[in-house]
Amino acid sequence: MSPALKVLLTGSGGQLGQALQATSPAGIELIACGRAELDLADAEACVAAVREHRPDWVLNAGAYTAVDKAESEPELAAAVNAGAPEALAQALAATGGRLLQVSTDFVFNGEQGHPYRPEQAVAPLGVYGSSKADGERLARAALPADRCCVLRTSWVYGPVGKNFCLTMLRLHALRAEAGEPLAVVADQVGCPTASHTLAAACWAAIQHRANGILHWSDAGAASWYDFALAIGELGAARGLLHQPAAVLPITTADFPTPARRPSYSLLDCSDSRKALGLAPVHWRRALDQVLARLEANPRADKD
């Protein structure tokens, strides 16, 4: 019997971290570290964790993801999103392990009108995207090419944590009860990605010993307005809402935020799907799967 593959998971308390733990394949010895066990802002702690556990892989699912708040906390965003991947990679270079670094569509500026391929140059618009792009670059520089994999994804949500889906379910209920519409940005296009499909991609990347840069999202394309409409429609069909609120499309200019966001950040996942051997799941189907879990376990989003 071959020994278990030892995987050190960061960000275990987040929505992706929880999905990864729930779907951990057989033959994996999972060492799950949340913020209490490993502060990703502490580079020395990151190095110490790798030296202590000597994992075959570090799956870095932890991140600073507060896009707007990052504009006023650039040092913290840089420490977590760039300093931690670099420290983890440098430690793995010495111990012989591999790194799977989860990244984001926000490394692109959104100025092209067709899906971004993995090899394209990055051009982030804000602090969050810049810090994630720096994390990619620093991690890849610290490890041999065949021992580092960057997996970019987009618009992650799930049945737990803080995300757009759970926020929209709450707002649909409140606005419908008040007889008020829900205004959602319609001129930012990407693709929602369910945490359970992203977790499957992460585990496939490890099992295939993937390297380089991969793109992973669910299939199809949507604006935030499209996503909000579908959450209301499918949420009502699942009995999670008495009725959805009316949804009004607005522009980015109508809803100014501290951080600029790409207007188009769809990822070309075709090569990655072939490399990982995973069939695409349309985002509406994945959304219904998430809502089905909430229907079966109404307190899942409270865990």
C-alpha atoms as a PDB file:
ATOM      1  CA  MET A   1       0.000   0.000   0.000  1.00  0.00           C
ATOM      2  CA  SER A   2       1.435   3.364  -1.010  1.00  0.00           C
ATOM      3  CA  PRO A   3       1.797   5.970   1.740  1.00  0.00           C
ATOM      4  CA  ALA A   4      -0.831   8.706   2.010  1.00  0.00           C
ATOM      5  CA  LEU A   5      -0.180  11.948   0.190  1.00  0.00           C
ATOM      6  CA  LYS A   6       0.336  14.622   2.829  1.00  0.00           C
ATOM      7  CA  VAL A   7      -1.419  17.905   2.002  1.00  0.00           C
ATOM      8  CA  LEU A   8      -1.146  21.041   4.128  1.00  0.00           C
ATOM      9  CA  LEU A   9      -4.288  23.120   3.561  1.00  0.00           C
ATOM     10  CA  THR A  10      -4.366  26.809   4.432  1.00  0.00           C
ATOM     11  CA  GLY A  11      -7.564  28.793   4.837  1.00  0.00           C
ATOM     12  CA  SER A  12      -9.440  25.737   6.091  1.00  0.00           C
ATOM     13  CA  GLY A  13     -12.191  27.860   7.657  1.00  0.00           C
ATOM     14  CA  GLY A  14     -13.096  29.628   4.421  1.00  0.00           C
ATOM     15  CA  GLN A  15     -15.743  28.555   1.933  1.00  0.00           C
ATOM     16  CA  LEU A  16     -13.218  26.816  -0.349  1.00  0.00           C
ATOM     17  CA  GLY A  17     -11.329  25.358   2.610  1.00  0.00           C
ATOM     18  CA  GLN A  18     -14.500  23.797   3.968  1.00  0.00           C
ATOM     19  CA  ALA A  19     -15.392  22.368   0.546  1.00  0.00           C
ATOM     20  CA  LEU A  20     -11.892  20.913   0.198  1.00  0.00           C
ATOM     21  CA  GLN A  21     -12.157  19.190   3.576  1.00  0.00           C
ATOM     22  CA  ALA A  22     -15.599  17.803   2.741  1.00  0.00           C
ATOM     23  CA  THR A  23     -14.347  16.318  -0.546  1.00  0.00           C
ATOM     24  CA  SER A  24     -10.846  15.166   0.404  1.00  0.00           C
ATOM     25  CA  PRO A  25     -10.136  12.012  -1.640  1.00  0.00           C
ATOM     26  CA  ALA A  26      -9.018   8.694  -0.223  1.00  0.00           C
ATOM     27  CA  GLY A  27      -5.271   8.451   0.191  1.00  0.00           C
ATOM     28  CA  ILE A  28      -4.881  12.053   1.389  1.00  0.00           C
ATOM     29  CA  GLU A  29      -3.483  12.903   4.811  1.00  0.00           C
ATOM     30  CA  LEU A  30      -4.969  16.361   5.228  1.00  0.00           C
ATOM     31  CA  ILE A  31      -3.467  18.870   7.641  1.00  0.00           C
ATOM     32  CA  ALA A  32      -6.079  21.628   7.807  1.00  0.00           C
ATOM     33  CA  CYS A  33      -4.924  25.023   9.038  1.00  0.00           C
ATOM     34  CA  GLY A  34      -7.284  27.903   9.668  1.00  0.00           C
ATOM     35  CA  ARG A  35      -6.313  31.389  10.772  1.00  0.00           C
ATOM     36  CA  ALA A  36      -5.909  30.220  14.373  1.00  0.00           C
ATOM     37  CA  GLU A  37      -3.377  27.555  13.368  1.00  0.00           C
ATOM     38  CA  LEU A  38      -1.533  29.548  10.694  1.00  0.00           C
ATOM     39  CA  ASP A  39      -1.519  33.318  10.264  1.00  0.00           C
ATOM     40  CA  LEU A  40      -0.745  33.824   6.585  1.00  0.00           C
ATOM     41  CA  ALA A  41       0.381  37.375   7.270  1.00  0.00           C
ATOM     42  CA  ASP A  42       3.320  35.884   9.205  1.00  0.00           C
ATOM     43  CA  ALA A  43       5.904  34.675   6.692  1.00  0.00           C
ATOM     44  CA  GLU A  44       8.004  33.005   9.382  1.00  0.00           C
ATOM     45  CA  ALA A  45       4.973  31.024  10.556  1.00  0.00           C
ATOM     46  CA  CYS A  46       4.386  29.852   6.986  1.00  0.00           C
ATOM     47  CA  VAL A  47       7.974  28.605   6.727  1.00  0.00           C
ATOM     48  CA  ALA A  48       7.750  26.916  10.131  1.00  0.00           C
ATOM     49  CA  ALA A  49       4.534  25.085   9.176  1.00  0.00           C
ATOM     50  CA  VAL A  50       6.158  23.612   6.065  1.00  0.00           C
ATOM     51  CA  ARG A  51       9.275  22.629   7.971  1.00  0.00           C
ATOM     52  CA  GLU A  52       7.227  21.004  10.738  1.00  0.00           C
ATOM     53  CA  HIS A  53       4.823  19.014   8.563  1.00  0.00           C
ATOM     54  CA  ARG A  54       6.995  18.485   5.441  1.00  0.00           C
ATOM     55  CA  PRO A  55       3.921  18.072   3.195  1.00  0.00           C
ATOM     56  CA  ASP A  56       3.957  16.644  -0.297  1.00  0.00           C
ATOM     57  CA  TRP A  57       1.735  19.570  -1.270  1.00  0.00           C
ATOM     58  CA  VAL A  58       0.684  22.876   0.216  1.00  0.00           C
ATOM     59  CA  LEU A  59      -2.791  23.807  -1.020  1.00  0.00           C
ATOM     60  CA  ASN A  60      -2.908  27.531  -0.373  1.00  0.00           C
ATOM     61  CA  ALA A  61      -6.630  28.262  -0.292  1.00  0.00           C
ATOM     62  CA  GLY A  62      -6.274  31.059   2.245  1.00  0.00           C
ATOM     63  CA  ALA A  63      -6.268  34.656   1.034  1.00  0.00           C
ATOM     64  CA  TYR A  64      -7.103  38.252   1.816  1.00  0.00           C
ATOM     65  CA  THR A  65     -10.264  38.595  -0.292  1.00  0.00           C
ATOM     66  CA  ALA A  66     -11.818  41.883   0.868  1.00  0.00           C
ATOM     67  CA  VAL A  67     -11.434  43.600  -2.511  1.00  0.00           C
ATOM     68  CA  ASP A  68     -12.532  47.072  -1.435  1.00  0.00           C
ATOM     69  CA  LYS A  69     -10.937  46.994   2.011  1.00  0.00           C
ATOM     70  CA  ALA A  70      -7.611  46.050   0.409  1.00  0.00           C
ATOM     71  CA  GLU A  71      -7.403  49.563  -1.035  1.00  0.00           C
ATOM     72  CA  SER A  72      -6.950  50.895   2.508  1.00  0.00           C
ATOM     73  CA  GLU A  73      -4.969  47.877   3.802  1.00  0.00           C
ATOM     74  CA  PRO A  74      -2.386  47.278   1.056  1.00  0.00           C
ATOM     75  CA  GLU A  75       0.306  46.056   3.450  1.00  0.00           C
ATOM     76  CA  LEU A  76      -1.922  43.352   4.945  1.00  0.00           C
ATOM     77  CA  ALA A  77      -3.204  42.281   1.513  1.00  0.00           C
ATOM     78  CA  ALA A  78       0.381  42.035   0.270  1.00  0.00           C
ATOM     79  CA  ALA A  79       1.511  40.052   3.302  1.00  0.00           C
ATOM     80  CA  VAL A  80      -1.262  37.454   2.951  1.00  0.00           C
ATOM     81  CA  ASN A  81      -1.613  37.270  -0.827  1.00  0.00           C
ATOM     82  CA  ALA A  82       2.018  37.692  -1.861  1.00  0.00           C
ATOM     83  CA  GLY A  83       4.225  37.183   1.184  1.00  0.00           C
ATOM     84  CA  ALA A  84       2.603  33.898   2.244  1.00  0.00           C
ATOM     85  CA  PRO A  85       2.843  32.180  -1.176  1.00  0.00           C
ATOM     86  CA  GLU A  86       6.476  33.248  -1.452  1.00  0.00           C
ATOM     87  CA  ALA A  87       7.318  31.976   2.039  1.00  0.00           C
ATOM     88  CA  LEU A  88       5.476  28.692   1.490  1.00  0.00           C
ATOM     89  CA  ALA A  89       7.205  28.179  -1.851  1.00  0.00           C
ATOM     90  CA  GLN A  90      10.641  28.983  -0.474  1.00  0.00           C
ATOM     91  CA  ALA A  91      10.148  26.478   2.328  1.00  0.00           C
ATOM     92  CA  LEU A  92       8.877  23.840  -0.100  1.00  0.00           C
ATOM     93  CA  ALA A  93      11.923  24.401  -2.295  1.00  0.00           C
ATOM     94  CA  ALA A  94      14.012  23.168   0.613  1.00  0.00           C
ATOM     95  CA  THR A  95      11.748  20.295   1.726  1.00  0.00           C
ATOM     96  CA  GLY A  96      10.939  18.960  -1.730  1.00  0.00           C
ATOM     97  CA  GLY A  97       7.187  19.593  -1.712  1.00  0.00           C
ATOM     98  CA  ARG A  98       4.858  21.159  -4.251  1.00  0.00           C
ATOM     99  CA  LEU A  99       2.534  24.174  -4.125  1.00  0.00           C
ATOM    100  CA  LEU A 100      -0.993  24.651  -5.440  1.00  0.00           C
ATOM    101  CA  GLN A 101      -1.653  28.388  -5.267  1.00  0.00           C
ATOM    102  CA  VAL A 102      -5.274  29.465  -5.707  1.00  0.00           C
ATOM    103  CA  SER A 103      -5.523  32.792  -7.540  1.00  0.00           C
ATOM    104  CA  THR A 104      -8.112  35.011  -9.186  1.00  0.00           C
ATOM    105  CA  ASP A 105      -9.539  36.491 -12.378  1.00  0.00           C
ATOM    106  CA  PHE A 106      -8.807  39.912 -10.836  1.00  0.00           C
ATOM    107  CA  VAL A 107      -5.214  39.655 -12.065  1.00  0.00           C
ATOM    108  CA  PHE A 108      -6.644  40.833 -15.437  1.00  0.00           C
ATOM    109  CA  ASN A 109      -7.914  44.315 -16.301  1.00  0.00           C
ATOM    110  CA  GLY A 110     -11.008  43.194 -18.194  1.00  0.00           C
ATOM    111  CA  GLU A 111     -10.312  45.263 -21.299  1.00  0.00           C
ATOM    112  CA  GLN A 112     -10.509  42.408 -23.827  1.00  0.00           C
ATOM    113  CA  GLY A 113     -13.814  41.009 -24.963  1.00  0.00           C
ATOM    114  CA  HIS A 114     -12.971  37.319 -25.055  1.00  0.00           C
ATOM    115  CA  PRO A 115     -11.902  34.809 -22.368  1.00  0.00           C
ATOM    116  CA  TYR A 116      -8.452  35.180 -20.838  1.00  0.00           C
ATOM    117  CA  ARG A 117      -6.010  32.356 -21.439  1.00  0.00           C
ATOM    118  CA  PRO A 118      -3.541  31.230 -18.743  1.00  0.00           C
ATOM    119  CA  GLU A 119      -0.456  32.438 -20.619  1.00  0.00           C
ATOM    120  CA  GLN A 120      -1.694  36.003 -21.066  1.00  0.00           C
ATOM    121  CA  ALA A 121       0.068  38.861 -19.295  1.00  0.00           C
ATOM    122  CA  VAL A 122      -1.586  40.067 -16.113  1.00  0.00           C
ATOM    123  CA  ALA A 123      -2.648  43.692 -15.588  1.00  0.00           C
ATOM    124  CA  PRO A 124      -4.546  44.062 -12.298  1.00  0.00           C
ATOM    125  CA  LEU A 125      -6.633  47.149 -11.582  1.00  0.00           C
ATOM    126  CA  GLY A 126      -6.461  47.319  -7.789  1.00  0.00           C
ATOM    127  CA  VAL A 127      -4.583  46.317  -4.662  1.00  0.00           C
ATOM    128  CA  TYR A 128      -6.297  42.929  -4.318  1.00  0.00           C
ATOM    129  CA  GLY A 129      -5.558  41.868  -7.892  1.00  0.00           C
ATOM    130  CA  SER A 130      -2.015  43.209  -7.691  1.00  0.00           C
ATOM    131  CA  SER A 131      -1.319  41.321  -4.471  1.00  0.00           C
ATOM    132  CA  LYS A 132      -2.609  38.068  -5.989  1.00  0.00           C
ATOM    133  CA  ALA A 133      -0.568  38.604  -9.152  1.00  0.00           C
ATOM    134  CA  ASP A 134       2.518  39.199  -6.995  1.00  0.00           C
ATOM    135  CA  GLY A 135       1.775  35.981  -5.115  1.00  0.00           C
ATOM    136  CA  GLU A 136       1.671  34.031  -8.376  1.00  0.00           C
ATOM    137  CA  ARG A 137       4.953  35.527  -9.568  1.00  0.00           C
ATOM    138  CA  LEU A 138       6.831  35.096  -6.302  1.00  0.00           C
ATOM    139  CA  ALA A 139       5.676  31.514  -5.772  1.00  0.00           C
ATOM    140  CA  ARG A 140       6.641  30.480  -9.290  1.00  0.00           C
ATOM    141  CA  ALA A 141      10.037  32.154  -8.929  1.00  0.00           C
ATOM    142  CA  ALA A 142      10.786  30.281  -5.694  1.00  0.00           C
ATOM    143  CA  LEU A 143      10.021  26.765  -6.927  1.00  0.00           C
ATOM    144  CA  PRO A 144      11.067  24.659  -9.915  1.00  0.00           C
ATOM    145  CA  ALA A 145       8.476  24.928 -12.684  1.00  0.00           C
ATOM    146  CA  ASP A 146       7.278  21.353 -12.249  1.00  0.00           C
ATOM    147  CA  ARG A 147       6.573  21.845  -8.538  1.00  0.00           C
ATOM    148  CA  CYS A 148       4.318  24.909  -8.623  1.00  0.00           C
ATOM    149  CA  CYS A 149       0.758  25.168  -9.930  1.00  0.00           C
ATOM    150  CA  VAL A 150      -1.291  28.368  -9.987  1.00  0.00           C
ATOM    151  CA  LEU A 151      -5.034  27.821 -10.339  1.00  0.00           C
ATOM    152  CA  ARG A 152      -6.991  30.980 -11.146  1.00  0.00           C
ATOM    153  CA  THR A 153     -10.719  31.054 -10.542  1.00  0.00           C
ATOM    154  CA  SER A 154     -13.595  33.540 -10.443  1.00  0.00           C
ATOM    155  CA  TRP A 155     -16.614  34.661  -8.412  1.00  0.00           C
ATOM    156  CA  VAL A 156     -16.421  31.876  -5.824  1.00  0.00           C
ATOM    157  CA  TYR A 157     -19.480  31.173  -3.691  1.00  0.00           C
ATOM    158  CA  GLY A 158     -20.922  28.284  -1.696  1.00  0.00           C
ATOM    159  CA  PRO A 159     -23.378  27.306   1.034  1.00  0.00           C
ATOM    160  CA  VAL A 160     -21.169  28.656   3.847  1.00  0.00           C
ATOM    161  CA  GLY A 161     -19.205  31.795   4.565  1.00  0.00           C
ATOM    162  CA  LYS A 162     -19.720  35.272   3.158  1.00  0.00           C
ATOM    163  CA  ASN A 163     -20.417  35.404  -0.558  1.00  0.00           C
ATOM    164  CA  PHE A 164     -22.647  36.945  -3.208  1.00  0.00           C
ATOM    165  CA  CYS A 165     -25.086  34.039  -3.314  1.00  0.00           C
ATOM    166  CA  LEU A 166     -25.884  34.076   0.401  1.00  0.00           C
ATOM    167  CA  THR A 167     -26.053  37.876   0.420  1.00  0.00           C
ATOM    168  CA  MET A 168     -28.488  37.881  -2.501  1.00  0.00           C
ATOM    169  CA  LEU A 169     -30.713  35.255  -0.872  1.00  0.00           C
ATOM    170  CA  ARG A 170     -30.971  37.481   2.195  1.00  0.00           C
ATOM    171  CA  LEU A 171     -31.598  40.643   0.154  1.00  0.00           C
ATOM    172  CA  HIS A 172     -34.170  38.942  -2.086  1.00  0.00           C
ATOM    173  CA  ALA A 173     -36.157  38.019   1.026  1.00  0.00           C
ATOM    174  CA  LEU A 174     -35.886  41.491   2.567  1.00  0.00           C
ATOM    175  CA  ARG A 175     -36.695  43.445  -0.612  1.00  0.00           C
ATOM    176  CA  ALA A 176     -39.542  41.151  -1.667  1.00  0.00           C
ATOM    177  CA  GLU A 177     -41.148  41.525   1.752  1.00  0.00           C
ATOM    178  CA  ALA A 178     -40.801  45.302   1.520  1.00  0.00           C
ATOM    179  CA  GLY A 179     -42.010  45.371  -2.094  1.00  0.00           C
ATOM    180  CA  GLU A 180     -38.774  46.995  -3.199  1.00  0.00           C
ATOM    181  CA  PRO A 181     -36.509  46.087  -6.128  1.00  0.00           C
ATOM    182  CA  LEU A 182     -32.936  44.862  -5.850  1.00  0.00           C
ATOM    183  CA  ALA A 183     -30.407  46.813  -7.950  1.00  0.00           C
ATOM    184  CA  VAL A 184     -27.416  44.807  -9.227  1.00  0.00           C
ATOM    185  CA  VAL A 185     -24.528  45.680 -11.527  1.00  0.00           C
ATOM    186  CA  ALA A 186     -25.065  44.360 -15.052  1.00  0.00           C
ATOM    187  CA  ASP A 187     -21.932  45.543 -16.876  1.00  0.00           C
ATOM    188  CA  GLN A 188     -19.360  43.287 -15.179  1.00  0.00           C
ATOM    189  CA  VAL A 189     -19.163  39.885 -16.865  1.00  0.00           C
ATOM    190  CA  GLY A 190     -17.424  36.736 -15.641  1.00  0.00           C
ATOM    191  CA  CYS A 191     -18.508  33.353 -14.352  1.00  0.00           C
ATOM    192  CA  PRO A 192     -19.722  32.250 -10.913  1.00  0.00           C
ATOM    193  CA  THR A 193     -17.822  29.253  -9.547  1.00  0.00           C
ATOM    194  CA  ALA A 194     -19.265  27.002  -6.865  1.00  0.00           C
ATOM    195  CA  SER A 195     -16.902  26.031  -4.068  1.00  0.00           C
ATOM    196  CA  HIS A 196     -17.572  22.312  -4.571  1.00  0.00           C
ATOM    197  CA  THR A 197     -16.630  22.357  -8.277  1.00  0.00           C
ATOM    198  CA  LEU A 198     -13.531  24.419  -7.495  1.00  0.00           C
ATOM    199  CA  ALA A 199     -12.579  21.934  -4.769  1.00  0.00           C
ATOM    200  CA  ALA A 200     -12.856  19.110  -7.311  1.00  0.00           C
ATOM    201  CA  ALA A 201     -10.490  20.998  -9.619  1.00  0.00           C
ATOM    202  CA  CYS A 202      -7.984  21.525  -6.808  1.00  0.00           C
ATOM    203  CA  TRP A 203      -7.942  17.841  -5.882  1.00  0.00           C
ATOM    204  CA  ALA A 204      -7.635  16.872  -9.557  1.00  0.00           C
ATOM    205  CA  ALA A 205      -4.667  19.236  -9.926  1.00  0.00           C
ATOM    206  CA  ILE A 206      -2.914  17.533  -7.018  1.00  0.00           C
ATOM    207  CA  GLN A 207      -3.717  14.032  -8.233  1.00  0.00           C
ATOM    208  CA  HIS A 208      -2.447  14.895 -11.738  1.00  0.00           C
ATOM    209  CA  ARG A 209       0.677  16.602 -10.344  1.00  0.00           C
ATOM    210  CA  ALA A 210      -0.277  19.677 -12.341  1.00  0.00           C
ATOM    211  CA  ASN A 211       2.091  22.591 -12.806  1.00  0.00           C
ATOM    212  CA  GLY A 212       2.148  25.947 -14.549  1.00  0.00           C
ATOM    213  CA  ILE A 213      -0.981  28.108 -14.673  1.00  0.00           C
ATOM    214  CA  LEU A 214      -4.490  26.677 -14.890  1.00  0.00           C
ATOM    215  CA  HIS A 215      -7.839  28.443 -15.215  1.00  0.00           C
ATOM    216  CA  TRP A 216     -10.950  27.056 -13.563  1.00  0.00           C
ATOM    217  CA  SER A 217     -14.499  28.341 -13.379  1.00  0.00           C
ATOM    218  CA  ASP A 218     -17.885  26.831 -13.996  1.00  0.00           C
ATOM    219  CA  ALA A 219     -19.138  26.920 -17.588  1.00  0.00           C
ATOM    220  CA  GLY A 220     -21.018  29.744 -19.246  1.00  0.00           C
ATOM    221  CA  ALA A 221     -20.919  33.471 -18.629  1.00  0.00           C
ATOM    222  CA  ALA A 222     -22.936  35.864 -16.508  1.00  0.00           C
ATOM    223  CA  SER A 223     -23.120  39.365 -15.158  1.00  0.00           C
ATOM    224  CA  TRP A 224     -23.739  39.963 -11.486  1.00  0.00           C
ATOM    225  CA  TYR A 225     -27.288  40.911 -12.543  1.00  0.00           C
ATOM    226  CA  ASP A 226     -27.724  37.537 -14.280  1.00  0.00           C
ATOM    227  CA  PHE A 227     -26.382  35.764 -11.202  1.00  0.00           C
ATOM    228  CA  ALA A 228     -28.710  37.664  -8.874  1.00  0.00           C
ATOM    229  CA  LEU A 229     -31.721  36.889 -11.092  1.00  0.00           C
ATOM    230  CA  ALA A 230     -30.863  33.170 -11.091  1.00  0.00           C
ATOM    231  CA  ILE A 231     -30.378  33.116  -7.315  1.00  0.00           C
ATOM    232  CA  GLY A 232     -33.862  34.530  -6.869  1.00  0.00           C
ATOM    233  CA  GLU A 233     -35.462  32.232  -9.435  1.00  0.00           C
ATOM    234  CA  LEU A 234     -33.776  29.007  -8.319  1.00  0.00           C
ATOM    235  CA  GLY A 235     -33.957  29.958  -4.642  1.00  0.00           C
ATOM    236  CA  ALA A 236     -37.730  30.330  -4.901  1.00  0.00           C
ATOM    237  CA  ALA A 237     -37.990  27.029  -6.767  1.00  0.00           C
ATOM    238  CA  ARG A 238     -36.089  25.354  -3.916  1.00  0.00           C
ATOM    239  CA  GLY A 239     -38.340  26.911  -1.275  1.00  0.00           C
ATOM    240  CA  LEU A 240     -35.550  29.049   0.138  1.00  0.00           C
ATOM    241  CA  LEU A 241     -37.505  32.202  -0.759  1.00  0.00           C
ATOM    242  CA  HIS A 242     -41.226  32.849  -0.539  1.00  0.00           C
ATOM    243  CA  GLN A 243     -40.756  34.899  -3.681  1.00  0.00           C
ATOM    244  CA  PRO A 244     -37.803  36.657  -5.293  1.00  0.00           C
ATOM    245  CA  ALA A 245     -37.530  40.411  -5.435  1.00  0.00           C
ATOM    246  CA  ALA A 246     -37.563  42.252  -8.733  1.00  0.00           C
ATOM    247  CA  VAL A 247     -33.991  42.794  -9.927  1.00  0.00           C
ATOM    248  CA  LEU A 248     -33.019  46.004 -11.704  1.00  0.00           C
ATOM    249  CA  PRO A 249     -29.840  46.235 -13.815  1.00  0.00           C
ATOM    250  CA  ILE A 250     -27.512  49.116 -12.991  1.00  0.00           C
ATOM    251  CA  THR A 251     -24.068  50.147 -14.221  1.00  0.00           C
ATOM    252  CA  THR A 252     -20.772  50.106 -12.371  1.00  0.00           C
ATOM    253  CA  ALA A 253     -20.921  53.900 -12.407  1.00  0.00           C
ATOM    254  CA  ASP A 254     -24.243  53.715 -10.531  1.00  0.00           C
ATOM    255  CA  PHE A 255     -22.596  51.712  -7.739  1.00  0.00           C
ATOM    256  CA  PRO A 256     -19.131  53.175  -7.109  1.00  0.00           C
ATOM    257  CA  THR A 257     -16.724  51.165  -4.952  1.00  0.00           C
ATOM    258  CA  PRO A 258     -13.233  51.907  -3.578  1.00  0.00           C
ATOM    259  CA  ALA A 259     -11.668  49.256  -5.840  1.00  0.00           C
ATOM    260  CA  ARG A 260     -11.958  49.112  -9.608  1.00  0.00           C
ATOM    261  CA  ARG A 261     -13.167  45.771 -10.945  1.00  0.00           C
ATOM    262  CA  PRO A 262     -12.613  44.234 -14.374  1.00  0.00           C
ATOM    263  CA  SER A 263     -15.642  44.658 -16.620  1.00  0.00           C
ATOM    264  CA  TYR A 264     -14.905  41.325 -18.328  1.00  0.00           C
ATOM    265  CA  SER A 265     -12.956  38.581 -16.573  1.00  0.00           C
ATOM    266  CA  LEU A 266     -14.127  35.354 -18.154  1.00  0.00           C
ATOM    267  CA  LEU A 267     -11.413  32.677 -17.977  1.00  0.00           C
ATOM    268  CA  ASP A 268     -10.617  30.277 -20.819  1.00  0.00           C
ATOM    269  CA  CYS A 269     -10.665  26.922 -19.031  1.00  0.00           C
ATOM    270  CA  SER A 270     -10.547  24.622 -22.056  1.00  0.00           C
ATOM    271  CA  ASP A 271      -6.944  23.462 -21.652  1.00  0.00           C
ATOM    272  CA  SER A 272      -7.308  23.095 -17.884  1.00  0.00           C
ATOM    273  CA  ARG A 273     -10.408  20.922 -18.198  1.00  0.00           C
ATOM    274  CA  LYS A 274      -8.514  18.574 -20.519  1.00  0.00           C
ATOM    275  CA  ALA A 275      -5.466  18.527 -18.227  1.00  0.00           C
ATOM    276  CA  LEU A 276      -7.561  17.765 -15.146  1.00  0.00           C
ATOM    277  CA  GLY A 277      -9.957  15.352 -16.832  1.00  0.00           C
ATOM    278  CA  LEU A 278     -13.011  17.190 -15.527  1.00  0.00           C
ATOM    279  CA  ALA A 279     -16.177  17.924 -17.466  1.00  0.00           C
ATOM    280  CA  PRO A 280     -17.542  21.478 -17.253  1.00  0.00           C
ATOM    281  CA  VAL A 281     -20.594  22.192 -15.106  1.00  0.00           C
ATOM    282  CA  HIS A 282     -22.741  25.138 -16.170  1.00  0.00           C
ATOM    283  CA  TRP A 283     -22.913  27.807 -13.504  1.00  0.00           C
ATOM    284  CA  ARG A 284     -26.714  27.598 -13.225  1.00  0.00           C
ATOM    285  CA  ARG A 285     -26.532  23.861 -12.560  1.00  0.00           C
ATOM    286  CA  ALA A 286     -23.773  24.361  -9.982  1.00  0.00           C
ATOM    287  CA  LEU A 287     -25.833  27.126  -8.359  1.00  0.00           C
ATOM    288  CA  ASP A 288     -28.820  24.791  -8.083  1.00  0.00           C
ATOM    289  CA  GLN A 289     -26.565  22.190  -6.449  1.00  0.00           C
ATOM    290  CA  VAL A 290     -25.480  24.748  -3.841  1.00  0.00           C
ATOM    291  CA  LEU A 291     -29.083  25.790  -3.232  1.00  0.00           C
ATOM    292  CA  ALA A 292     -30.070  22.123  -2.909  1.00  0.00           C
ATOM    293  CA  ARG A 293     -27.596  21.783  -0.047  1.00  0.00           C
ATOM    294  CA  LEU A 294     -29.082  24.828   1.628  1.00  0.00           C
ATOM    295  CA  GLU A 295     -32.557  23.350   1.140  1.00  0.00           C
ATOM    296  CA  ALA A 296     -31.433  20.095   2.747  1.00  0.00           C
ATOM    297  CA  ASN A 297     -29.529  21.853   5.525  1.00  0.00           C
ATOM    298  CA  PRO A 298     -31.013  25.320   6.157  1.00  0.00           C
ATOM    299  CA  ARG A 299     -28.328  26.053   8.733  1.00  0.00           C
ATOM    300  CA  ALA A 300     -25.420  25.291   6.400  1.00  0.00           C
ATOM    301  CA  ASP A 301     -24.810  29.002   5.873  1.00  0.00           C
ATOM    302  CA  LYS A 302     -24.735  29.523   9.645  1.00  0.00           C
ATOM    303  CA  ASP A 303     -21.972  26.953  10.277  1.00  0.00           C
END
